[in-house]
N, C-alpha and C. Protein backbone atom coordinates (compact mmCIF):
# COMPACT_ATOMS: atom_id res chain seq x y z
N UNK A 1 0.94 -1.07 -0.07
CA UNK A 1 0.11 0.08 0.16
C UNK A 1 0.80 1.16 -0.09
N UNK A 2 0.47 2.20 -0.62
CA UNK A 2 1.51 3.69 -0.95
C UNK A 2 1.15 4.35 0.73
N UNK A 3 2.36 4.87 0.94
CA UNK A 3 2.46 6.05 1.90
C UNK A 3 2.21 7.37 1.63
N UNK A 4 1.09 7.42 0.74
CA UNK A 4 1.05 9.24 0.30
C UNK A 4 -0.25 9.29 0.75
N UNK A 5 -0.43 10.83 0.97
CA UNK A 5 -1.73 11.37 1.12
C UNK A 5 -2.47 11.48 -0.41
N UNK A 6 -3.65 10.87 -0.37
CA UNK A 6 -4.65 10.60 -1.37
C UNK A 6 -5.57 11.78 -1.22
N UNK A 7 -6.30 11.92 -2.43
CA UNK A 7 -7.16 13.17 -2.50
C UNK A 7 -8.51 12.18 -2.48
N UNK A 8 -8.67 11.05 -2.55
CA UNK A 8 -10.10 10.27 -2.74
C UNK A 8 -9.92 8.96 -1.74
N UNK A 9 -10.73 8.42 -1.15
CA UNK A 9 -10.58 7.50 -0.09
C UNK A 9 -10.42 6.14 -0.95
N UNK A 10 -10.13 5.08 0.18
CA UNK A 10 -9.60 3.85 -0.13
C UNK A 10 -11.09 3.33 -0.55
N UNK A 11 -11.38 2.37 -1.49
CA UNK A 11 -12.07 1.26 -1.44
C UNK A 11 -11.94 0.08 -0.98
N UNK A 12 -12.96 -0.73 -0.51
CA UNK A 12 -12.69 -1.69 0.09
C UNK A 12 -11.73 -2.82 -0.51
N UNK A 13 -11.85 -3.15 -1.82
CA UNK A 13 -11.10 -3.77 -2.69
C UNK A 13 -9.61 -3.64 -2.57
N UNK A 14 -9.23 -2.19 -2.58
CA UNK A 14 -7.71 -1.70 -2.59
C UNK A 14 -7.21 -1.91 -1.27
N UNK A 15 -7.84 -2.14 -0.42
CA UNK A 15 -7.47 -2.65 1.10
C UNK A 15 -7.11 -4.37 1.19
N UNK A 16 -5.98 -4.50 2.27
CA UNK A 16 -5.71 -6.01 2.55
C UNK A 16 -5.44 -5.49 4.03
N UNK A 17 -5.49 -6.92 4.65
CA UNK A 17 -5.34 -6.85 6.25
C UNK A 17 -3.85 -7.22 6.33
N UNK A 18 -3.33 -6.19 6.96
CA UNK A 18 -1.61 -5.58 7.07
C UNK A 18 -1.43 -4.63 6.54
N UNK A 19 -2.16 -3.84 5.65
CA UNK A 19 -1.89 -2.70 4.91
C UNK A 19 -1.99 -1.58 5.79
N UNK A 20 -0.96 -0.56 5.66
CA UNK A 20 -1.06 0.54 6.60
C UNK A 20 -0.45 1.85 6.31
N UNK A 21 -0.78 3.01 6.79
CA UNK A 21 -0.51 4.20 6.14
C UNK A 21 -0.36 4.98 7.43
N UNK A 22 0.01 6.32 7.03
CA UNK A 22 0.18 7.36 8.16
C UNK A 22 -0.17 8.76 7.40
N UNK A 23 -0.69 9.33 8.42
CA UNK A 23 -1.55 10.55 7.97
C UNK A 23 -0.54 11.79 8.23
N UNK A 24 -1.03 13.14 7.72
CA UNK A 24 -0.13 14.10 8.22
C UNK A 24 -0.29 14.41 9.64
N UNK A 25 0.27 15.42 9.85
CA UNK A 25 0.45 15.89 11.19
C UNK A 25 -0.28 17.09 11.51
N UNK A 26 -0.61 17.29 12.69
CA UNK A 26 -1.31 18.51 12.93
C UNK A 26 -0.93 19.20 14.77
N UNK A 27 -0.84 20.13 14.83
CA UNK A 27 -0.38 20.66 15.83
C UNK A 27 -1.40 21.14 16.74
N UNK A 28 -1.70 20.96 17.99
CA UNK A 28 -3.19 21.23 19.16
C UNK A 28 -2.96 22.47 19.26
N UNK A 29 -3.63 23.54 19.15
CA UNK A 29 -3.31 24.89 19.56
C UNK A 29 -4.37 25.00 20.87
N UNK A 30 -4.38 26.24 21.48
CA UNK A 30 -5.17 26.48 22.40
C UNK A 30 -6.28 26.90 22.03
N UNK A 31 -6.55 27.67 20.83
CA UNK A 31 -7.81 27.92 20.06
C UNK A 31 -8.56 26.59 20.00
N UNK A 32 -7.51 25.23 19.32
CA UNK A 32 -8.55 24.25 19.42
C UNK A 32 -9.21 23.58 20.39
N UNK A 33 -8.62 24.07 21.84
CA UNK A 33 -8.90 23.43 22.70
C UNK A 33 -10.18 24.21 23.56
N UNK A 34 -9.97 25.68 23.24
CA UNK A 34 -10.88 26.27 23.85
C UNK A 34 -12.32 26.62 22.97
N UNK A 35 -12.11 26.19 21.55
CA UNK A 35 -13.16 25.77 20.52
C UNK A 35 -14.10 24.82 20.99
N UNK A 36 -13.17 23.50 21.19
CA UNK A 36 -13.50 22.57 21.56
C UNK A 36 -14.63 22.55 22.99
N UNK A 37 -14.28 22.81 23.96
CA UNK A 37 -14.67 23.08 24.99
C UNK A 37 -15.78 23.87 25.37
N UNK A 38 -15.77 24.87 24.50
CA UNK A 38 -16.84 25.43 24.42
C UNK A 38 -18.07 24.88 23.55
N UNK A 39 -17.70 24.19 22.29
CA UNK A 39 -18.65 23.69 21.68
C UNK A 39 -19.60 22.48 22.42
N UNK A 40 -18.29 21.55 23.25
CA UNK A 40 -19.26 20.40 23.95
C UNK A 40 -19.43 20.54 25.55
N UNK A 41 -18.95 21.81 26.21
CA UNK A 41 -19.51 22.21 27.07
C UNK A 41 -18.63 21.50 28.20
N UNK A 42 -17.33 20.95 27.66
CA UNK A 42 -16.11 20.16 28.67
C UNK A 42 -15.70 21.32 29.27
N UNK A 43 -16.07 21.55 30.36
CA UNK A 43 -15.49 22.60 31.09
C UNK A 43 -14.74 22.58 32.46
N UNK A 44 -14.59 21.32 32.59
CA UNK A 44 -13.77 20.91 33.69
C UNK A 44 -12.29 21.72 33.59
N UNK A 45 -12.25 22.02 35.09
CA UNK A 45 -11.06 22.60 35.01
C UNK A 45 -9.78 22.09 34.44
N UNK A 46 -9.41 21.11 34.51
CA UNK A 46 -8.35 20.39 34.20
C UNK A 46 -8.21 20.80 32.45
N UNK A 47 -9.12 21.10 32.00
CA UNK A 47 -9.18 21.67 30.52
C UNK A 47 -9.40 23.26 30.60
N UNK A 48 -9.86 23.57 30.93
CA UNK A 48 -10.19 25.12 31.00
C UNK A 48 -9.35 26.35 32.24
N UNK A 49 -8.57 25.72 32.86
CA UNK A 49 -8.16 26.69 33.89
C UNK A 49 -6.67 26.21 33.75
N UNK A 50 -5.76 27.48 33.50
CA UNK A 50 -4.52 27.31 33.02
C UNK A 50 -3.88 27.46 34.33
N UNK A 51 -4.15 27.82 35.38
CA UNK A 51 -3.58 27.63 37.00
C UNK A 51 -3.33 26.13 37.25
N UNK A 52 -4.46 25.30 36.79
CA UNK A 52 -4.50 23.65 37.09
C UNK A 52 -3.05 23.27 36.73
N UNK A 53 -2.68 23.55 35.36
CA UNK A 53 -1.01 23.17 35.05
C UNK A 53 -0.34 23.48 36.02
N UNK A 54 -0.38 24.77 36.39
CA UNK A 54 0.97 25.15 37.00
C UNK A 54 0.96 24.51 38.58
N UNK A 55 -0.01 24.18 38.95
CA UNK A 55 -0.64 23.52 40.30
C UNK A 55 0.02 22.16 40.34
N UNK A 56 0.46 21.61 39.42
CA UNK A 56 0.85 19.94 39.49
C UNK A 56 0.17 18.98 38.69
N UNK A 57 -1.25 19.31 37.71
CA UNK A 57 -2.01 18.33 37.50
C UNK A 57 -0.90 18.03 36.07
N UNK A 58 -0.62 19.11 35.34
CA UNK A 58 0.42 18.42 34.56
C UNK A 58 1.65 19.20 34.08
N UNK A 59 2.91 19.06 34.35
CA UNK A 59 4.02 19.74 34.02
C UNK A 59 4.25 20.45 32.77
N UNK A 60 3.77 19.75 31.65
CA UNK A 60 3.93 19.83 30.36
C UNK A 60 2.74 20.87 29.49
N UNK A 61 1.92 21.48 30.46
CA UNK A 61 0.94 22.62 30.12
C UNK A 61 -0.57 21.96 30.09
N UNK A 62 -1.61 22.80 29.47
CA UNK A 62 -3.07 22.28 29.52
C UNK A 62 -3.30 21.01 28.69
N UNK A 63 -3.76 20.10 29.17
CA UNK A 63 -4.21 18.94 28.90
C UNK A 63 -5.25 18.85 28.09
N UNK A 64 -5.28 18.15 26.65
CA UNK A 64 -6.08 18.17 25.86
C UNK A 64 -7.17 17.05 26.18
N UNK A 65 -8.45 17.00 26.16
CA UNK A 65 -9.38 15.81 26.29
C UNK A 65 -9.15 14.71 25.42
N UNK A 66 -9.15 13.51 25.72
CA UNK A 66 -8.81 12.28 24.95
C UNK A 66 -9.68 12.33 24.09
N UNK A 67 -11.35 12.71 23.98
CA UNK A 67 -12.76 12.62 22.95
C UNK A 67 -11.77 13.84 21.82
N UNK A 68 -11.17 14.68 22.54
CA UNK A 68 -11.07 15.84 21.28
C UNK A 68 -9.70 15.10 20.43
N UNK A 69 -9.00 14.66 20.97
CA UNK A 69 -7.57 13.82 20.41
C UNK A 69 -8.33 12.91 19.53
N UNK A 70 -9.04 12.26 19.62
CA UNK A 70 -9.70 11.11 19.07
C UNK A 70 -10.45 11.85 17.77
N UNK A 71 -11.24 12.97 17.97
CA UNK A 71 -12.02 13.79 17.07
C UNK A 71 -11.03 14.24 16.04
N UNK A 72 -9.91 14.77 16.63
CA UNK A 72 -8.74 15.41 15.66
C UNK A 72 -8.31 14.06 14.71
N UNK A 73 -7.83 13.01 15.23
CA UNK A 73 -7.39 11.83 14.58
C UNK A 73 -8.27 11.34 13.60
N UNK A 74 -9.75 11.49 13.82
CA UNK A 74 -10.74 11.22 12.64
C UNK A 74 -10.74 12.12 11.74
N UNK A 75 -10.50 13.33 12.10
CA UNK A 75 -10.18 14.29 11.02
C UNK A 75 -8.99 14.28 10.21
N UNK A 76 -7.72 14.33 10.80
CA UNK A 76 -6.69 13.43 9.83
C UNK A 76 -6.99 12.26 9.12
N UNK A 77 -7.81 11.36 9.51
CA UNK A 77 -8.14 10.19 8.64
C UNK A 77 -9.02 10.67 7.44
N UNK A 78 -9.69 11.70 7.43
CA UNK A 78 -10.83 11.65 6.76
C UNK A 78 -10.68 11.65 5.16
N UNK A 79 -9.46 12.06 4.96
CA UNK A 79 -9.07 11.76 3.15
C UNK A 79 -9.08 10.43 2.87
N UNK A 80 -8.70 9.37 3.76
CA UNK A 80 -8.99 7.80 3.54
C UNK A 80 -10.43 7.36 3.48
N UNK A 81 -11.29 8.12 3.53
CA UNK A 81 -12.57 7.67 3.27
C UNK A 81 -13.44 8.53 2.63
N UNK A 82 -12.85 9.63 2.00
CA UNK A 82 -13.67 10.66 1.39
C UNK A 82 -14.33 9.69 0.13
N UNK A 83 -15.39 9.69 -0.12
CA UNK A 83 -16.37 9.35 -1.16
C UNK A 83 -16.48 7.64 -0.85
N UNK A 84 -15.69 7.28 0.01
CA UNK A 84 -16.24 5.58 -0.05
C UNK A 84 -16.37 5.13 1.26
N UNK A 85 -16.42 6.31 2.10
CA UNK A 85 -16.78 5.65 3.75
C UNK A 85 -18.52 5.68 3.90
N UNK A 86 -18.92 4.58 4.18
CA UNK A 86 -20.57 4.47 4.17
C UNK A 86 -21.21 4.71 5.49
N UNK A 87 -20.32 4.17 6.62
CA UNK A 87 -20.72 4.30 8.39
C UNK A 87 -19.57 3.74 8.95
N UNK A 88 -19.62 4.80 9.90
CA UNK A 88 -18.90 4.30 11.23
C UNK A 88 -19.69 3.45 12.10
N UNK A 89 -19.12 2.19 12.72
CA UNK A 89 -20.14 1.17 13.01
C UNK A 89 -19.75 1.26 14.76
N UNK A 90 -18.75 0.99 15.07
CA UNK A 90 -18.00 0.69 16.20
C UNK A 90 -16.49 0.92 16.47
N UNK A 91 -16.21 1.32 17.92
CA UNK A 91 -14.73 1.49 17.98
C UNK A 91 -14.35 0.97 19.32
N UNK A 92 -13.46 0.20 19.64
CA UNK A 92 -12.69 0.25 21.10
C UNK A 92 -11.67 1.22 21.16
N UNK A 93 -11.57 1.94 22.54
CA UNK A 93 -10.99 3.12 22.35
C UNK A 93 -10.19 3.41 23.68
N UNK A 94 -8.87 3.47 23.83
CA UNK A 94 -8.09 3.80 24.99
C UNK A 94 -7.08 4.71 24.64
N UNK A 95 -6.79 5.64 26.01
CA UNK A 95 -6.10 7.11 26.19
C UNK A 95 -4.87 5.91 26.62
N UNK A 96 -3.55 6.03 25.79
CA UNK A 96 -2.72 5.62 26.45
C UNK A 96 -1.37 6.73 27.10
N UNK A 97 -1.66 8.25 27.01
CA UNK A 97 -0.92 9.29 27.66
C UNK A 97 -1.48 10.36 27.37
N UNK A 98 -1.01 11.51 28.00
CA UNK A 98 -1.82 12.96 27.98
C UNK A 98 -0.99 13.41 26.38
N UNK A 99 -2.16 14.68 25.86
CA UNK A 99 -1.75 15.03 24.98
C UNK A 99 -1.86 16.47 25.29
N UNK A 100 -1.42 17.63 24.93
CA UNK A 100 -1.22 18.80 25.84
C UNK A 100 -1.16 20.01 24.39
N UNK A 101 -1.70 21.16 25.01
CA UNK A 101 -1.45 22.33 23.84
C UNK A 101 -0.12 22.37 23.31
N UNK A 102 -0.02 22.48 22.15
CA UNK A 102 1.27 22.29 21.30
C UNK A 102 1.90 21.19 20.80
N UNK A 103 1.04 19.83 21.33
CA UNK A 103 1.77 18.89 20.66
C UNK A 103 1.00 18.76 19.57
N UNK A 104 2.01 18.09 18.40
CA UNK A 104 1.95 17.68 16.89
C UNK A 104 1.47 16.14 16.95
N UNK A 105 0.32 16.03 16.71
CA UNK A 105 0.05 14.61 16.32
C UNK A 105 -0.21 14.20 15.26
N UNK A 106 -0.27 12.73 14.69
CA UNK A 106 -0.31 12.16 13.65
C UNK A 106 -0.90 10.84 14.04
N UNK A 107 -1.79 9.96 13.07
CA UNK A 107 -2.34 8.69 12.95
C UNK A 107 -1.49 7.96 11.96
N UNK A 108 -1.25 6.53 12.75
CA UNK A 108 -0.98 5.60 11.89
C UNK A 108 -1.51 4.53 12.03
N UNK A 109 -2.24 3.93 10.75
CA UNK A 109 -3.44 2.99 10.77
C UNK A 109 -3.09 1.90 10.19
N UNK A 110 -3.45 0.57 10.91
CA UNK A 110 -3.07 -0.60 9.81
C UNK A 110 -4.51 -1.12 10.35
N UNK A 111 -4.58 -1.70 8.63
CA UNK A 111 -6.02 -2.96 8.69
C UNK A 111 -5.88 -4.23 9.31
N UNK A 112 -6.66 -4.29 10.40
CA UNK A 112 -6.48 -5.50 11.20
C UNK A 112 -7.64 -6.72 10.83
N UNK A 113 -8.51 -6.26 9.91
CA UNK A 113 -9.65 -7.08 9.68
C UNK A 113 -10.51 -6.52 8.56
N UNK A 114 -11.11 -7.54 7.79
CA UNK A 114 -12.01 -7.21 6.63
C UNK A 114 -13.02 -8.26 6.46
N UNK A 115 -14.07 -8.07 5.72
CA UNK A 115 -15.04 -9.16 5.50
C UNK A 115 -15.94 -8.09 4.82
N UNK A 116 -16.81 -8.88 3.74
CA UNK A 116 -17.80 -8.65 2.73
C UNK A 116 -19.27 -8.75 3.58
N UNK A 117 -20.13 -7.68 3.39
CA UNK A 117 -21.05 -7.40 4.08
C UNK A 117 -22.13 -8.74 3.12
N UNK A 118 -23.51 -8.59 3.45
CA UNK A 118 -24.42 -9.57 3.16
C UNK A 118 -24.93 -8.77 1.89
N UNK A 119 -24.92 -7.15 1.67
CA UNK A 119 -25.60 -6.60 0.85
C UNK A 119 -24.28 -6.64 -0.29
N UNK A 120 -24.23 -6.43 -1.59
CA UNK A 120 -22.87 -6.34 -2.44
C UNK A 120 -22.76 -5.21 -2.51
N UNK A 121 -21.36 -4.81 -2.69
CA UNK A 121 -20.74 -3.40 -3.26
C UNK A 121 -20.20 -2.86 -2.01
N UNK A 122 -20.22 -3.71 -0.94
CA UNK A 122 -19.50 -2.84 0.52
C UNK A 122 -19.07 -3.96 1.41
N UNK A 123 -18.18 -3.55 2.23
CA UNK A 123 -17.17 -4.43 2.94
C UNK A 123 -16.99 -3.54 4.32
N UNK A 124 -16.85 -4.35 5.21
CA UNK A 124 -16.34 -3.90 6.49
C UNK A 124 -15.11 -4.01 7.10
N UNK A 125 -14.23 -2.74 7.43
CA UNK A 125 -12.89 -2.76 7.65
C UNK A 125 -12.74 -2.23 8.90
N UNK A 126 -11.76 -2.93 9.47
CA UNK A 126 -11.70 -2.46 11.08
C UNK A 126 -10.16 -2.18 11.03
N UNK A 127 -9.79 -0.99 11.45
CA UNK A 127 -8.37 -0.70 11.60
C UNK A 127 -7.95 -0.43 13.09
N UNK A 128 -6.41 -0.97 13.10
CA UNK A 128 -5.84 0.05 14.52
C UNK A 128 -5.09 0.86 14.11
N UNK A 129 -5.85 2.15 14.92
CA UNK A 129 -5.36 3.70 14.84
C UNK A 129 -4.60 3.81 15.99
N UNK A 130 -3.35 4.32 15.64
CA UNK A 130 -2.49 4.65 17.06
C UNK A 130 -2.39 6.30 16.71
N UNK A 131 -2.72 7.13 17.66
CA UNK A 131 -2.26 8.53 17.71
C UNK A 131 -1.22 8.84 18.45
N UNK A 132 -0.19 9.36 17.44
CA UNK A 132 1.17 9.58 18.40
C UNK A 132 1.65 11.16 18.40
N UNK A 133 2.43 11.56 19.08
CA UNK A 133 2.73 12.87 19.07
C UNK A 133 4.36 12.89 18.14
N UNK A 134 4.65 14.06 18.32
CA UNK A 134 6.08 14.46 17.42
C UNK A 134 7.26 13.19 17.99
N UNK A 135 7.31 13.26 19.31
CA UNK A 135 8.24 12.26 20.04
C UNK A 135 8.13 10.91 19.72
N UNK A 136 6.67 10.35 19.39
CA UNK A 136 6.46 8.88 18.84
C UNK A 136 5.78 8.39 20.09
N UNK A 137 5.39 9.03 21.15
CA UNK A 137 4.47 8.60 22.15
C UNK A 137 3.16 8.45 21.86
N UNK A 138 2.62 7.22 22.16
CA UNK A 138 1.11 6.78 21.85
C UNK A 138 0.19 7.69 22.76
N UNK A 139 -0.48 8.34 22.16
CA UNK A 139 -1.39 9.38 22.90
C UNK A 139 -2.73 8.59 22.86
N UNK A 140 -3.28 7.93 22.02
CA UNK A 140 -4.50 7.36 21.94
C UNK A 140 -4.31 6.05 20.69
N UNK A 141 -5.18 4.83 21.49
CA UNK A 141 -4.96 3.73 20.21
C UNK A 141 -6.81 3.50 20.13
N UNK A 142 -7.06 3.34 18.89
CA UNK A 142 -8.71 2.89 19.00
C UNK A 142 -8.59 2.13 17.64
N UNK A 143 -9.66 1.05 17.72
CA UNK A 143 -9.97 0.48 16.52
C UNK A 143 -11.23 0.63 16.15
N UNK A 144 -11.46 1.46 15.33
CA UNK A 144 -12.77 1.64 14.43
C UNK A 144 -13.41 0.42 13.39
N UNK A 145 -14.39 0.04 13.28
CA UNK A 145 -15.12 -0.51 12.56
C UNK A 145 -16.23 0.17 11.38
N UNK A 146 -15.54 0.13 10.36
CA UNK A 146 -16.38 0.87 9.46
C UNK A 146 -16.84 0.16 8.00
N UNK A 147 -17.78 0.91 7.72
CA UNK A 147 -18.53 0.02 6.34
C UNK A 147 -17.64 1.02 4.99
N UNK A 148 -17.16 0.48 3.88
CA UNK A 148 -16.75 1.03 2.70
C UNK A 148 -17.31 0.54 1.72
N UNK A 149 -17.32 1.29 0.60
CA UNK A 149 -17.76 0.83 -0.54
C UNK A 149 -16.74 -0.02 -1.22
N UNK A 150 -17.14 -0.69 -2.13
CA UNK A 150 -16.10 -1.73 -3.05
C UNK A 150 -16.38 -1.11 -4.68
N UNK A 151 -15.31 -0.89 -5.07
CA UNK A 151 -15.22 -0.95 -6.60
C UNK A 151 -16.10 -1.41 -7.32
């Protein structure tokens, strides 16, 4: 499988178990955090109070909610399903380490399961998505099950 960014998504038939790819990177900004917290009403002081970090909650700065990192990872993966993705069905999700304002993240995705559906023209694909920061530390690992179009 190519390791380049595509402008259209992968069809089911273009994938195989064991195939992998990496997304581009994205730096998480304070504006991202503020916008997300306002949009979702996640106003816990861990995310909204800068003195919280200085008081020892995190020596590395403001912590980003895990669900926000997950949402950003899904955004980084959008190109891989553009025009071919039909449904997001399920995901197992684990936070492995903190993400902070100023961290740069990317996603490394590996196809771990595939099977056709009972309806023609579509198949189910499960991937293992590792969200990593610029230092290579795992922030989140999740395994979504998606329905994709076949060619």
